[in-house]
Amino acid sequence: ELAEAALVASLADETPEGRSVVALARERFDVRQD
């Protein structure tokens, strides 16, 4: 649940930190919202 919320909050974040949050949620927790 935390990973999904973090990914959604970071989808519009184009900073390297924001992109790394999205990558971590997808790779480790298979969150697939694009």
All heavy atoms as atom14 arrays in JSON, in Angstrom:
{
  "sequence": "ELAEAALVASLADETPEGRSVVALARERFDVRQD",
  "atom14_mask": [
    [1, 1, 1, 1, 1, 1, 1, 1, 1, 0, 0, 0, 0, 0],
    [1, 1, 1, 1, 1, 1, 1, 1, 0, 0, 0, 0, 0, 0],
    [1, 1, 1, 1, 1, 0, 0, 0, 0, 0, 0, 0, 0, 0],
    [1, 1, 1, 1, 1, 1, 1, 1, 1, 0, 0, 0, 0, 0],
    [1, 1, 1, 1, 1, 0, 0, 0, 0, 0, 0, 0, 0, 0],
    [1, 1, 1, 1, 1, 0, 0, 0, 0, 0, 0, 0, 0, 0],
    [1, 1, 1, 1, 1, 1, 1, 1, 0, 0, 0, 0, 0, 0],
    [1, 1, 1, 1, 1, 1, 1, 0, 0, 0, 0, 0, 0, 0],
    [1, 1, 1, 1, 1, 0, 0, 0, 0, 0, 0, 0, 0, 0],
    [1, 1, 1, 1, 1, 1, 0, 0, 0, 0, 0, 0, 0, 0],
    [1, 1, 1, 1, 1, 1, 1, 1, 0, 0, 0, 0, 0, 0],
    [1, 1, 1, 1, 1, 0, 0, 0, 0, 0, 0, 0, 0, 0],
    [1, 1, 1, 1, 1, 1, 1, 1, 0, 0, 0, 0, 0, 0],
    [1, 1, 1, 1, 1, 1, 1, 1, 1, 0, 0, 0, 0, 0],
    [1, 1, 1, 1, 1, 1, 1, 0, 0, 0, 0, 0, 0, 0],
    [1, 1, 1, 1, 1, 1, 1, 0, 0, 0, 0, 0, 0, 0],
    [1, 1, 1, 1, 1, 1, 1, 1, 1, 0, 0, 0, 0, 0],
    [1, 1, 1, 1, 0, 0, 0, 0, 0, 0, 0, 0, 0, 0],
    [1, 1, 1, 1, 1, 1, 1, 1, 1, 1, 1, 0, 0, 0],
    [1, 1, 1, 1, 1, 1, 0, 0, 0, 0, 0, 0, 0, 0],
    [1, 1, 1, 1, 1, 1, 1, 0, 0, 0, 0, 0, 0, 0],
    [1, 1, 1, 1, 1, 1, 1, 0, 0, 0, 0, 0, 0, 0],
    [1, 1, 1, 1, 1, 0, 0, 0, 0, 0, 0, 0, 0, 0],
    [1, 1, 1, 1, 1, 1, 1, 1, 0, 0, 0, 0, 0, 0],
    [1, 1, 1, 1, 1, 0, 0, 0, 0, 0, 0, 0, 0, 0],
    [1, 1, 1, 1, 1, 1, 1, 1, 1, 1, 1, 0, 0, 0],
    [1, 1, 1, 1, 1, 1, 1, 1, 1, 0, 0, 0, 0, 0],
    [1, 1, 1, 1, 1, 1, 1, 1, 1, 1, 1, 0, 0, 0],
    [1, 1, 1, 1, 1, 1, 1, 1, 1, 1, 1, 0, 0, 0],
    [1, 1, 1, 1, 1, 1, 1, 1, 0, 0, 0, 0, 0, 0],
    [1, 1, 1, 1, 1, 1, 1, 0, 0, 0, 0, 0, 0, 0],
    [1, 1, 1, 1, 1, 1, 1, 1, 1, 1, 1, 0, 0, 0],
    [1, 1, 1, 1, 1, 1, 1, 1, 1, 0, 0, 0, 0, 0],
    [1, 1, 1, 1, 1, 1, 1, 1, 0, 0, 0, 0, 0, 0]
  ],
  "atom14_positions": [
    [[0.83, -1.2, 0.0], [0.0, 0.0, 0.0], [0.87, 1.26, 0.0], [0.59, 2.22, -0.72], [-0.92, 0.0, 1.22], [-1.85, 1.21, 1.28], [-2.7, 1.25, 2.55], [-2.61, 0.31, 3.36], [-3.44, 2.24, 2.73], [0.0, 0.0, 0.0], [0.0, 0.0, 0.0], [0.0, 0.0, 0.0], [0.0, 0.0, 0.0], [0.0, 0.0, 0.0]],
    [[1.93, 1.23, 0.81], [2.86, 2.36, 0.84], [3.54, 2.54, -0.51], [3.68, 3.66, -1.02], [3.9, 2.15, 1.94], [5.08, 3.14, 1.98], [4.58, 4.57, 2.19], [6.06, 2.75, 3.08], [0.0, 0.0, 0.0], [0.0, 0.0, 0.0], [0.0, 0.0, 0.0], [0.0, 0.0, 0.0], [0.0, 0.0, 0.0], [0.0, 0.0, 0.0]],
    [[3.96, 1.41, -1.12], [4.65, 1.48, -2.41], [3.73, 2.04, -3.5], [4.16, 2.85, -4.34], [5.16, 0.1, -2.81], [0.0, 0.0, 0.0], [0.0, 0.0, 0.0], [0.0, 0.0, 0.0], [0.0, 0.0, 0.0], [0.0, 0.0, 0.0], [0.0, 0.0, 0.0], [0.0, 0.0, 0.0], [0.0, 0.0, 0.0], [0.0, 0.0, 0.0]],
    [[2.45, 1.63, -3.49], [1.5, 2.12, -4.5], [1.29, 3.63, -4.35], [1.28, 4.38, -5.33], [0.17, 1.38, -4.36], [0.23, -0.07, -4.8], [-1.07, -0.82, -4.52], [-1.91, -0.27, -3.77], [-1.23, -1.94, -5.03], [0.0, 0.0, 0.0], [0.0, 0.0, 0.0], [0.0, 0.0, 0.0], [0.0, 0.0, 0.0], [0.0, 0.0, 0.0]],
    [[1.1, 4.09, -3.09], [0.89, 5.52, -2.85], [2.12, 6.33, -3.24], [2.02, 7.4, -3.85], [0.53, 5.75, -1.39], [0.0, 0.0, 0.0], [0.0, 0.0, 0.0], [0.0, 0.0, 0.0], [0.0, 0.0, 0.0], [0.0, 0.0, 0.0], [0.0, 0.0, 0.0], [0.0, 0.0, 0.0], [0.0, 0.0, 0.0], [0.0, 0.0, 0.0]],
    [[3.32, 5.81, -2.9], [4.56, 6.51, -3.23], [4.73, 6.61, -4.74], [5.17, 7.64, -5.27], [5.75, 5.79, -2.61], [0.0, 0.0, 0.0], [0.0, 0.0, 0.0], [0.0, 0.0, 0.0], [0.0, 0.0, 0.0], [0.0, 0.0, 0.0], [0.0, 0.0, 0.0], [0.0, 0.0, 0.0], [0.0, 0.0, 0.0], [0.0, 0.0, 0.0]],
    [[4.38, 5.54, -5.47], [4.51, 5.56, -6.93], [3.58, 6.6, -7.54], [3.98, 7.39, -8.39], [4.22, 4.17, -7.49], [4.3, 4.06, -9.03], [4.93, 2.74, -9.44], [2.93, 4.18, -9.68], [0.0, 0.0, 0.0], [0.0, 0.0, 0.0], [0.0, 0.0, 0.0], [0.0, 0.0, 0.0], [0.0, 0.0, 0.0], [0.0, 0.0, 0.0]],
    [[2.3, 6.6, -7.1], [1.33, 7.55, -7.66], [1.78, 8.99, -7.38], [1.7, 9.85, -8.25], [-0.07, 7.29, -7.06], [-1.04, 8.4, -7.49], [-0.6, 5.94, -7.52], [0.0, 0.0, 0.0], [0.0, 0.0, 0.0], [0.0, 0.0, 0.0], [0.0, 0.0, 0.0], [0.0, 0.0, 0.0], [0.0, 0.0, 0.0], [0.0, 0.0, 0.0]],
    [[2.29, 9.25, -6.16], [2.74, 10.59, -5.81], [3.98, 11.0, -6.6], [4.28, 12.2, -6.7], [3.03, 10.66, -4.32], [0.0, 0.0, 0.0], [0.0, 0.0, 0.0], [0.0, 0.0, 0.0], [0.0, 0.0, 0.0], [0.0, 0.0, 0.0], [0.0, 0.0, 0.0], [0.0, 0.0, 0.0], [0.0, 0.0, 0.0], [0.0, 0.0, 0.0]],
    [[4.69, 10.03, -7.17], [5.96, 10.32, -7.86], [5.87, 10.25, -9.37], [6.85, 10.55, -10.06], [7.04, 9.33, -7.38], [7.22, 9.4, -5.99], [0.0, 0.0, 0.0], [0.0, 0.0, 0.0], [0.0, 0.0, 0.0], [0.0, 0.0, 0.0], [0.0, 0.0, 0.0], [0.0, 0.0, 0.0], [0.0, 0.0, 0.0], [0.0, 0.0, 0.0]],
    [[4.72, 9.86, -9.91], [4.62, 9.71, -11.37], [4.87, 11.03, -12.1], [5.43, 11.04, -13.2], [3.23, 9.17, -11.74], [3.04, 7.66, -11.56], [1.59, 7.27, -11.82], [3.97, 6.87, -12.48], [0.0, 0.0, 0.0], [0.0, 0.0, 0.0], [0.0, 0.0, 0.0], [0.0, 0.0, 0.0], [0.0, 0.0, 0.0], [0.0, 0.0, 0.0]],
    [[4.48, 12.13, -11.49], [4.7, 13.43, -12.13], [5.99, 14.09, -11.67], [6.3, 15.21, -12.1], [3.52, 14.36, -11.82], [0.0, 0.0, 0.0], [0.0, 0.0, 0.0], [0.0, 0.0, 0.0], [0.0, 0.0, 0.0], [0.0, 0.0, 0.0], [0.0, 0.0, 0.0], [0.0, 0.0, 0.0], [0.0, 0.0, 0.0], [0.0, 0.0, 0.0]],
    [[6.76, 13.4, -10.82], [8.02, 13.94, -10.3], [9.16, 13.52, -11.23], [9.56, 12.36, -11.25], [8.25, 13.4, -8.88], [9.48, 14.01, -8.21], [10.23, 14.73, -8.9], [9.69, 13.76, -7.01], [0.0, 0.0, 0.0], [0.0, 0.0, 0.0], [0.0, 0.0, 0.0], [0.0, 0.0, 0.0], [0.0, 0.0, 0.0], [0.0, 0.0, 0.0]],
    [[9.69, 14.47, -11.99], [10.72, 14.16, -12.97], [12.14, 14.27, -12.41], [13.11, 14.17, -13.15], [10.59, 15.07, -14.19], [9.38, 14.78, -15.05], [9.4, 13.35, -15.59], [10.49, 12.87, -15.98], [8.35, 12.7, -15.6], [0.0, 0.0, 0.0], [0.0, 0.0, 0.0], [0.0, 0.0, 0.0], [0.0, 0.0, 0.0], [0.0, 0.0, 0.0]],
    [[12.26, 14.48, -11.11], [13.6, 14.52, -10.51], [14.17, 13.1, -10.45], [13.42, 12.12, -10.47], [13.55, 15.1, -9.09], [12.81, 14.21, -8.25], [12.92, 16.47, -9.08], [0.0, 0.0, 0.0], [0.0, 0.0, 0.0], [0.0, 0.0, 0.0], [0.0, 0.0, 0.0], [0.0, 0.0, 0.0], [0.0, 0.0, 0.0], [0.0, 0.0, 0.0]],
    [[15.5, 12.96, -10.37], [16.08, 11.62, -10.25], [15.55, 10.86, -9.04], [15.33, 9.65, -9.1], [17.58, 11.9, -10.11], [17.77, 13.22, -10.78], [16.54, 14.0, -10.5], [0.0, 0.0, 0.0], [0.0, 0.0, 0.0], [0.0, 0.0, 0.0], [0.0, 0.0, 0.0], [0.0, 0.0, 0.0], [0.0, 0.0, 0.0], [0.0, 0.0, 0.0]],
    [[15.3, 11.58, -7.92], [14.76, 10.92, -6.74], [13.36, 10.39, -7.01], [13.01, 9.26, -6.63], [14.73, 11.9, -5.56], [16.09, 12.27, -5.03], [16.68, 13.49, -5.73], [16.13, 13.88, -6.79], [17.69, 14.02, -5.25], [0.0, 0.0, 0.0], [0.0, 0.0, 0.0], [0.0, 0.0, 0.0], [0.0, 0.0, 0.0], [0.0, 0.0, 0.0]],
    [[12.53, 11.22, -7.68], [11.16, 10.79, -7.99], [11.15, 9.57, -8.9], [10.37, 8.62, -8.69], [0.0, 0.0, 0.0], [0.0, 0.0, 0.0], [0.0, 0.0, 0.0], [0.0, 0.0, 0.0], [0.0, 0.0, 0.0], [0.0, 0.0, 0.0], [0.0, 0.0, 0.0], [0.0, 0.0, 0.0], [0.0, 0.0, 0.0], [0.0, 0.0, 0.0]],
    [[12.0, 9.59, -9.93], [12.05, 8.45, -10.85], [12.53, 7.19, -10.13], [12.1, 6.08, -10.44], [12.97, 8.78, -12.03], [12.38, 9.83, -12.96], [13.13, 9.87, -14.29], [14.5, 10.34, -14.11], [14.88, 11.6, -14.2], [13.98, 12.54, -14.46], [16.14, 11.95, -14.03], [0.0, 0.0, 0.0], [0.0, 0.0, 0.0], [0.0, 0.0, 0.0]],
    [[13.43, 7.36, -9.14], [13.93, 6.18, -8.42], [12.85, 5.57, -7.53], [12.82, 4.36, -7.32], [15.16, 6.55, -7.59], [14.81, 7.31, -6.44], [0.0, 0.0, 0.0], [0.0, 0.0, 0.0], [0.0, 0.0, 0.0], [0.0, 0.0, 0.0], [0.0, 0.0, 0.0], [0.0, 0.0, 0.0], [0.0, 0.0, 0.0], [0.0, 0.0, 0.0]],
    [[11.92, 6.41, -7.01], [10.8, 5.89, -6.22], [9.9, 5.03, -7.11], [9.49, 3.92, -6.72], [10.0, 7.06, -5.59], [8.71, 6.52, -4.95], [10.83, 7.79, -4.56], [0.0, 0.0, 0.0], [0.0, 0.0, 0.0], [0.0, 0.0, 0.0], [0.0, 0.0, 0.0], [0.0, 0.0, 0.0], [0.0, 0.0, 0.0], [0.0, 0.0, 0.0]],
    [[9.61, 5.52, -8.29], [8.78, 4.77, -9.24], [9.46, 3.45, -9.61], [8.82, 2.38, -9.62], [8.51, 5.61, -10.51], [7.8, 4.78, -11.56], [7.69, 6.85, -10.15], [0.0, 0.0, 0.0], [0.0, 0.0, 0.0], [0.0, 0.0, 0.0], [0.0, 0.0, 0.0], [0.0, 0.0, 0.0], [0.0, 0.0, 0.0], [0.0, 0.0, 0.0]],
    [[10.74, 3.5, -9.89], [11.47, 2.29, -10.27], [11.48, 1.27, -9.14], [11.3, 0.06, -9.37], [12.9, 2.66, -10.66], [0.0, 0.0, 0.0], [0.0, 0.0, 0.0], [0.0, 0.0, 0.0], [0.0, 0.0, 0.0], [0.0, 0.0, 0.0], [0.0, 0.0, 0.0], [0.0, 0.0, 0.0], [0.0, 0.0, 0.0], [0.0, 0.0, 0.0]],
    [[11.67, 1.72, -7.89], [11.7, 0.8, -6.75], [10.34, 0.13, -6.56], [10.27, -1.09, -6.32], [12.11, 1.56, -5.49], [12.19, 0.73, -4.2], [13.3, -0.31, -4.31], [12.44, 1.64, -2.99], [0.0, 0.0, 0.0], [0.0, 0.0, 0.0], [0.0, 0.0, 0.0], [0.0, 0.0, 0.0], [0.0, 0.0, 0.0], [0.0, 0.0, 0.0]],
    [[9.25, 0.9, -6.68], [7.91, 0.33, -6.51], [7.6, -0.7, -7.59], [6.99, -1.74, -7.32], [6.87, 1.45, -6.53], [0.0, 0.0, 0.0], [0.0, 0.0, 0.0], [0.0, 0.0, 0.0], [0.0, 0.0, 0.0], [0.0, 0.0, 0.0], [0.0, 0.0, 0.0], [0.0, 0.0, 0.0], [0.0, 0.0, 0.0], [0.0, 0.0, 0.0]],
    [[8.03, -0.45, -8.79], [7.76, -1.38, -9.89], [8.61, -2.64, -9.8], [8.11, -3.76, -9.98], [8.01, -0.68, -11.23], [6.93, 0.33, -11.6], [7.3, 1.1, -12.85], [6.22, 2.0, -13.26], [6.35, 2.94, -14.18], [7.53, 3.12, -14.79], [5.32, 3.7, -14.5], [0.0, 0.0, 0.0], [0.0, 0.0, 0.0], [0.0, 0.0, 0.0]],
    [[9.87, -2.47, -9.49], [10.78, -3.62, -9.51], [10.61, -4.53, -8.3], [10.64, -5.74, -8.41], [12.23, -3.12, -9.58], [12.57, -2.43, -10.89], [13.92, -1.72, -10.84], [14.62, -1.88, -9.82], [14.24, -1.0, -11.8], [0.0, 0.0, 0.0], [0.0, 0.0, 0.0], [0.0, 0.0, 0.0], [0.0, 0.0, 0.0], [0.0, 0.0, 0.0]],
    [[10.4, -3.92, -7.11], [10.36, -4.74, -5.9], [8.95, -5.16, -5.52], [8.77, -6.21, -4.9], [11.01, -3.98, -4.75], [11.32, -4.87, -3.54], [12.17, -4.17, -2.52], [13.47, -3.76, -3.06], [14.38, -3.09, -2.36], [14.12, -2.74, -1.1], [15.54, -2.75, -2.91], [0.0, 0.0, 0.0], [0.0, 0.0, 0.0], [0.0, 0.0, 0.0]],
    [[7.93, -4.36, -5.9], [6.57, -4.68, -5.46], [5.6, -4.84, -6.62], [4.39, -4.96, -6.4], [6.08, -3.59, -4.49], [6.95, -3.47, -3.26], [7.92, -2.48, -3.18], [6.82, -4.37, -2.21], [8.73, -2.36, -2.07], [7.64, -4.26, -1.09], [8.59, -3.26, -1.02], [0.0, 0.0, 0.0], [0.0, 0.0, 0.0], [0.0, 0.0, 0.0]],
    [[6.12, -4.81, -7.83], [5.32, -5.09, -9.03], [4.1, -4.17, -9.15], [3.03, -4.6, -9.56], [4.89, -6.56, -9.04], [4.51, -7.02, -10.45], [5.07, -6.47, -11.42], [3.65, -7.91, -10.58], [0.0, 0.0, 0.0], [0.0, 0.0, 0.0], [0.0, 0.0, 0.0], [0.0, 0.0, 0.0], [0.0, 0.0, 0.0], [0.0, 0.0, 0.0]],
    [[4.3, -2.9, -8.76], [3.23, -1.92, -8.93], [3.27, -1.46, -10.38], [4.29, -0.95, -10.84], [3.4, -0.73, -7.97], [2.27, 0.28, -8.17], [3.43, -1.21, -6.53], [0.0, 0.0, 0.0], [0.0, 0.0, 0.0], [0.0, 0.0, 0.0], [0.0, 0.0, 0.0], [0.0, 0.0, 0.0], [0.0, 0.0, 0.0], [0.0, 0.0, 0.0]],
    [[2.16, -1.58, -11.11], [2.2, -1.41, -12.56], [1.47, -0.18, -13.09], [1.29, -0.06, -14.28], [1.62, -2.65, -13.23], [2.52, -3.86, -13.12], [3.87, -3.59, -13.75], [4.87, -4.59, -13.42], [6.16, -4.44, -13.66], [6.59, -3.31, -14.2], [7.01, -5.39, -13.34], [0.0, 0.0, 0.0], [0.0, 0.0, 0.0], [0.0, 0.0, 0.0]],
    [[1.05, 0.73, -12.27], [0.39, 1.93, -12.77], [1.41, 2.79, -13.51], [2.44, 3.15, -12.97], [-0.24, 2.73, -11.62], [-1.04, 3.92, -12.12], [-1.87, 4.55, -11.0], [-2.09, 3.93, -9.97], [-2.35, 5.76, -11.21], [0.0, 0.0, 0.0], [0.0, 0.0, 0.0], [0.0, 0.0, 0.0], [0.0, 0.0, 0.0], [0.0, 0.0, 0.0]],
    [[1.1, 3.1, -14.78], [2.07, 3.81, -15.63], [1.77, 5.29, -15.8], [2.65, 6.05, -16.21], [2.12, 3.16, -17.02], [2.67, 1.74, -16.94], [3.57, 1.51, -16.12], [2.19, 0.88, -17.7], [0.0, 0.0, 0.0], [0.0, 0.0, 0.0], [0.0, 0.0, 0.0], [0.0, 0.0, 0.0], [0.0, 0.0, 0.0], [0.0, 0.0, 0.0]]
  ]
}
